[in-house]
């Protein structure tokens, strides 16, 4: 598996770099804004920072960037089809 990945990285360095940047931004984005939210909540005596952070989080640009990072940085695992009715989730068995 390692040889396959190294071969793909050598063959497509641009794609590897792009995936690395997207993954890094995704890993940084969520904890950063979580820490900022905690910091803003901790400094409750100032309302300007609360309003500024909320304005940033509510902005279309932030929502777009977050969506794109989540979409591109997530792996979509296909669901396995149930072969028997017993394998279905309880709510799905009667359908």
N, C-alpha and C. Protein backbone atom coordinates (compact mmCIF):
# COMPACT_ATOMS: atom_id res chain seq x y z
N UNK A 1 0.83 -1.19 0.00
CA UNK A 1 0.00 0.00 0.00
C UNK A 1 0.87 1.25 0.00
N UNK A 2 1.94 1.20 0.79
CA UNK A 2 2.82 2.35 0.88
C UNK A 2 3.47 2.65 -0.47
N UNK A 3 3.87 1.59 -1.17
CA UNK A 3 4.49 1.75 -2.49
C UNK A 3 3.50 2.37 -3.48
N UNK A 4 2.25 1.96 -3.40
CA UNK A 4 1.23 2.51 -4.27
C UNK A 4 1.06 4.01 -4.02
N UNK A 5 0.95 4.39 -2.75
CA UNK A 5 0.78 5.81 -2.42
C UNK A 5 1.99 6.62 -2.85
N UNK A 6 3.18 6.13 -2.59
CA UNK A 6 4.38 6.85 -2.99
C UNK A 6 4.47 6.98 -4.51
N UNK A 7 4.07 5.93 -5.22
CA UNK A 7 4.05 5.98 -6.68
C UNK A 7 3.07 7.03 -7.20
N UNK A 8 1.88 7.10 -6.59
CA UNK A 8 0.89 8.10 -7.00
C UNK A 8 1.37 9.52 -6.69
N UNK A 9 2.03 9.68 -5.54
CA UNK A 9 2.55 11.00 -5.17
C UNK A 9 3.63 11.43 -6.15
N UNK A 10 4.49 10.50 -6.53
CA UNK A 10 5.55 10.83 -7.50
C UNK A 10 4.97 11.13 -8.88
N UNK A 11 3.92 10.42 -9.25
CA UNK A 11 3.33 10.61 -10.58
C UNK A 11 2.47 11.87 -10.65
N UNK A 12 1.76 12.17 -9.56
CA UNK A 12 0.85 13.33 -9.51
C UNK A 12 1.18 14.23 -8.33
N UNK A 13 2.31 14.94 -8.36
CA UNK A 13 2.68 15.77 -7.20
C UNK A 13 1.72 16.94 -6.98
N UNK A 14 1.13 17.45 -8.04
CA UNK A 14 0.19 18.56 -7.89
C UNK A 14 -1.07 18.14 -7.14
N UNK A 15 -1.58 16.97 -7.47
CA UNK A 15 -2.77 16.47 -6.78
C UNK A 15 -2.46 16.17 -5.31
N UNK A 16 -1.28 15.60 -5.06
CA UNK A 16 -0.89 15.30 -3.68
C UNK A 16 -0.76 16.60 -2.87
N UNK A 17 -0.17 17.62 -3.48
CA UNK A 17 -0.01 18.90 -2.80
C UNK A 17 -1.38 19.53 -2.51
N UNK A 18 -2.28 19.48 -3.49
CA UNK A 18 -3.62 20.05 -3.31
C UNK A 18 -4.36 19.34 -2.19
N UNK A 19 -4.32 18.02 -2.16
CA UNK A 19 -4.98 17.26 -1.09
C UNK A 19 -4.35 17.56 0.27
N UNK A 20 -3.04 17.73 0.30
CA UNK A 20 -2.37 18.06 1.55
C UNK A 20 -2.80 19.43 2.06
N UNK A 21 -2.90 20.40 1.17
CA UNK A 21 -3.31 21.75 1.57
C UNK A 21 -4.76 21.74 2.08
N UNK A 22 -5.65 21.08 1.35
CA UNK A 22 -7.05 21.02 1.76
C UNK A 22 -7.19 20.32 3.11
N UNK A 23 -6.50 19.20 3.28
CA UNK A 23 -6.55 18.49 4.56
C UNK A 23 -5.99 19.32 5.69
N UNK A 24 -4.89 20.03 5.45
CA UNK A 24 -4.29 20.87 6.49
C UNK A 24 -5.22 22.01 6.88
N UNK A 25 -5.82 22.65 5.88
CA UNK A 25 -6.75 23.73 6.18
C UNK A 25 -7.96 23.23 6.97
N UNK A 26 -8.43 22.05 6.63
CA UNK A 26 -9.58 21.49 7.35
C UNK A 26 -9.21 21.17 8.79
N UNK A 27 -8.02 20.63 8.98
CA UNK A 27 -7.57 20.28 10.33
C UNK A 27 -7.35 21.54 11.17
N UNK A 28 -6.94 22.63 10.55
CA UNK A 28 -6.69 23.87 11.27
C UNK A 28 -7.98 24.67 11.49
N UNK A 29 -8.87 24.70 10.50
CA UNK A 29 -10.06 25.55 10.53
C UNK A 29 -10.98 25.26 11.71
N UNK A 30 -11.37 24.03 11.90
CA UNK A 30 -12.34 23.69 12.94
C UNK A 30 -11.80 23.96 14.35
N UNK A 31 -10.62 23.47 14.72
CA UNK A 31 -10.11 23.77 16.07
C UNK A 31 -9.84 25.26 16.29
N UNK A 32 -9.40 25.95 15.24
CA UNK A 32 -9.11 27.38 15.38
C UNK A 32 -10.38 28.14 15.75
N UNK A 33 -11.46 27.91 15.02
CA UNK A 33 -12.69 28.63 15.31
C UNK A 33 -13.32 28.15 16.61
N UNK A 34 -13.09 26.92 16.98
CA UNK A 34 -13.57 26.44 18.27
C UNK A 34 -12.84 27.15 19.41
N UNK A 35 -11.52 27.30 19.26
CA UNK A 35 -10.75 28.02 20.28
C UNK A 35 -11.14 29.50 20.33
N UNK A 36 -11.33 30.10 19.15
CA UNK A 36 -11.76 31.50 19.12
C UNK A 36 -13.11 31.68 19.82
N UNK A 37 -14.02 30.75 19.57
CA UNK A 37 -15.35 30.82 20.21
C UNK A 37 -15.22 30.73 21.74
N UNK A 38 -14.37 29.82 22.21
CA UNK A 38 -14.16 29.70 23.66
C UNK A 38 -13.52 30.96 24.23
N UNK A 39 -12.57 31.54 23.52
CA UNK A 39 -11.92 32.77 23.97
C UNK A 39 -12.92 33.91 24.04
N UNK A 40 -13.75 34.03 23.02
CA UNK A 40 -14.76 35.09 22.99
C UNK A 40 -15.76 34.88 24.12
N UNK A 41 -16.17 33.65 24.36
CA UNK A 41 -17.11 33.38 25.46
C UNK A 41 -16.47 33.65 26.82
N UNK A 42 -15.18 33.40 26.93
CA UNK A 42 -14.47 33.63 28.20
C UNK A 42 -14.36 35.11 28.51
N UNK A 43 -14.19 35.92 27.49
CA UNK A 43 -14.12 37.37 27.69
C UNK A 43 -15.51 37.96 27.52
N UNK A 44 -16.39 37.61 28.40
CA UNK A 44 -17.80 38.00 28.29
C UNK A 44 -18.02 39.49 28.54
N UNK A 45 -17.06 40.17 29.15
CA UNK A 45 -17.26 41.58 29.46
C UNK A 45 -17.12 42.46 28.22
N UNK A 46 -16.59 41.94 27.14
CA UNK A 46 -16.51 42.72 25.91
C UNK A 46 -17.46 42.12 24.89
N UNK A 47 -18.36 42.92 24.41
CA UNK A 47 -19.36 42.44 23.44
C UNK A 47 -18.91 42.65 22.00
N UNK A 48 -17.89 43.49 21.78
CA UNK A 48 -17.44 43.74 20.42
C UNK A 48 -16.86 42.49 19.78
N UNK A 49 -16.06 41.74 20.56
CA UNK A 49 -15.46 40.53 19.99
C UNK A 49 -16.52 39.46 19.72
N UNK A 50 -17.55 39.40 20.55
CA UNK A 50 -18.64 38.45 20.30
C UNK A 50 -19.34 38.77 18.98
N UNK A 51 -19.61 40.05 18.78
CA UNK A 51 -20.29 40.47 17.56
C UNK A 51 -19.41 40.24 16.33
N UNK A 52 -18.12 40.51 16.45
CA UNK A 52 -17.20 40.33 15.33
C UNK A 52 -17.09 38.85 14.93
N UNK A 53 -16.91 37.99 15.92
CA UNK A 53 -16.81 36.56 15.62
C UNK A 53 -18.12 36.04 15.02
N UNK A 54 -19.23 36.46 15.57
CA UNK A 54 -20.53 36.01 15.02
C UNK A 54 -20.71 36.52 13.60
N UNK A 55 -20.25 37.74 13.33
CA UNK A 55 -20.34 38.29 11.97
C UNK A 55 -19.50 37.46 11.00
N UNK A 56 -18.31 37.03 11.44
CA UNK A 56 -17.45 36.22 10.60
C UNK A 56 -18.08 34.85 10.35
N UNK A 57 -18.59 34.22 11.41
CA UNK A 57 -19.19 32.89 11.28
C UNK A 57 -20.46 32.93 10.43
N UNK A 58 -21.20 34.02 10.50
CA UNK A 58 -22.44 34.14 9.72
C UNK A 58 -22.20 34.58 8.28
N UNK A 59 -20.98 34.98 7.96
CA UNK A 59 -20.71 35.48 6.62
C UNK A 59 -20.80 34.37 5.58
N UNK A 60 -21.19 34.75 4.38
CA UNK A 60 -21.30 33.79 3.29
C UNK A 60 -19.94 33.21 2.94
N UNK A 61 -18.90 34.03 3.01
CA UNK A 61 -17.55 33.56 2.67
C UNK A 61 -17.11 32.46 3.62
N UNK A 62 -17.32 32.64 4.93
CA UNK A 62 -16.92 31.62 5.90
C UNK A 62 -17.72 30.33 5.68
N UNK A 63 -19.01 30.47 5.46
CA UNK A 63 -19.85 29.28 5.24
C UNK A 63 -19.43 28.55 3.97
N UNK A 64 -19.11 29.29 2.92
CA UNK A 64 -18.67 28.67 1.67
C UNK A 64 -17.34 27.94 1.86
N UNK A 65 -16.38 28.62 2.50
CA UNK A 65 -15.07 28.00 2.72
C UNK A 65 -15.20 26.77 3.61
N UNK A 66 -15.99 26.85 4.67
CA UNK A 66 -16.19 25.70 5.55
C UNK A 66 -16.83 24.53 4.81
N UNK A 67 -17.82 24.83 4.00
CA UNK A 67 -18.51 23.78 3.24
C UNK A 67 -17.54 23.11 2.27
N UNK A 68 -16.79 23.92 1.54
CA UNK A 68 -15.85 23.37 0.56
C UNK A 68 -14.79 22.52 1.25
N UNK A 69 -14.24 23.02 2.37
CA UNK A 69 -13.23 22.25 3.10
C UNK A 69 -13.81 20.94 3.63
N UNK A 70 -15.02 21.00 4.18
CA UNK A 70 -15.65 19.78 4.69
C UNK A 70 -15.94 18.80 3.56
N UNK A 71 -16.44 19.31 2.44
CA UNK A 71 -16.80 18.44 1.33
C UNK A 71 -15.57 17.80 0.70
N UNK A 72 -14.56 18.60 0.43
CA UNK A 72 -13.36 18.08 -0.23
C UNK A 72 -12.48 17.27 0.71
N UNK A 73 -12.52 17.61 2.00
CA UNK A 73 -11.65 16.93 2.95
C UNK A 73 -12.26 15.73 3.62
N UNK A 74 -13.48 15.37 3.24
CA UNK A 74 -14.15 14.23 3.85
C UNK A 74 -14.15 13.04 2.89
N UNK A 75 -14.08 11.88 3.48
CA UNK A 75 -14.19 10.66 2.69
C UNK A 75 -15.63 10.21 2.72
N UNK A 76 -16.17 9.92 1.56
CA UNK A 76 -17.54 9.42 1.48
C UNK A 76 -17.49 7.91 1.38
N UNK A 77 -17.95 7.24 2.41
CA UNK A 77 -17.93 5.78 2.44
C UNK A 77 -19.30 5.29 2.01
N UNK A 78 -19.37 4.47 0.95
CA UNK A 78 -20.67 3.98 0.52
C UNK A 78 -21.26 3.03 1.56
N UNK A 79 -22.58 3.12 1.71
CA UNK A 79 -23.23 2.25 2.67
C UNK A 79 -23.38 0.85 2.07
N UNK A 80 -23.19 -0.13 2.91
CA UNK A 80 -23.32 -1.51 2.50
C UNK A 80 -24.80 -1.87 2.46
N UNK A 81 -25.21 -2.51 1.37
CA UNK A 81 -26.61 -2.93 1.26
C UNK A 81 -26.84 -4.15 2.12
N UNK A 82 -27.97 -4.14 2.82
CA UNK A 82 -28.31 -5.27 3.68
C UNK A 82 -28.79 -6.44 2.82
N UNK A 83 -28.28 -7.62 3.13
CA UNK A 83 -28.68 -8.80 2.38
C UNK A 83 -29.89 -9.48 2.99
N UNK A 84 -30.09 -9.31 4.28
CA UNK A 84 -31.24 -9.89 4.96
C UNK A 84 -31.99 -8.77 5.66
N UNK A 85 -33.26 -9.00 5.91
CA UNK A 85 -34.06 -7.99 6.60
C UNK A 85 -33.55 -7.76 8.02
N UNK A 86 -32.95 -8.77 8.62
CA UNK A 86 -32.43 -8.64 9.98
C UNK A 86 -31.22 -7.70 10.02
N UNK A 87 -30.54 -7.51 8.89
CA UNK A 87 -29.38 -6.65 8.83
C UNK A 87 -29.74 -5.17 8.73
N UNK A 88 -31.01 -4.88 8.42
CA UNK A 88 -31.44 -3.50 8.31
C UNK A 88 -31.58 -2.87 9.69
N UNK A 89 -31.42 -1.54 9.79
CA UNK A 89 -31.72 -0.87 11.05
C UNK A 89 -33.19 -1.10 11.43
N UNK A 90 -33.49 -1.03 12.71
CA UNK A 90 -34.83 -1.38 13.20
C UNK A 90 -35.93 -0.59 12.52
N UNK A 91 -35.77 0.71 12.32
CA UNK A 91 -36.79 1.52 11.69
C UNK A 91 -37.00 1.21 10.22
N UNK A 92 -36.02 0.61 9.56
CA UNK A 92 -36.08 0.33 8.15
C UNK A 92 -36.67 -1.05 7.84
N UNK A 93 -36.85 -1.90 8.82
CA UNK A 93 -37.25 -3.27 8.58
C UNK A 93 -38.67 -3.39 8.05
N UNK A 94 -39.56 -2.49 8.42
CA UNK A 94 -40.97 -2.60 8.04
C UNK A 94 -41.28 -1.93 6.71
N UNK A 95 -40.29 -1.34 6.05
CA UNK A 95 -40.56 -0.61 4.80
C UNK A 95 -40.56 -1.55 3.62
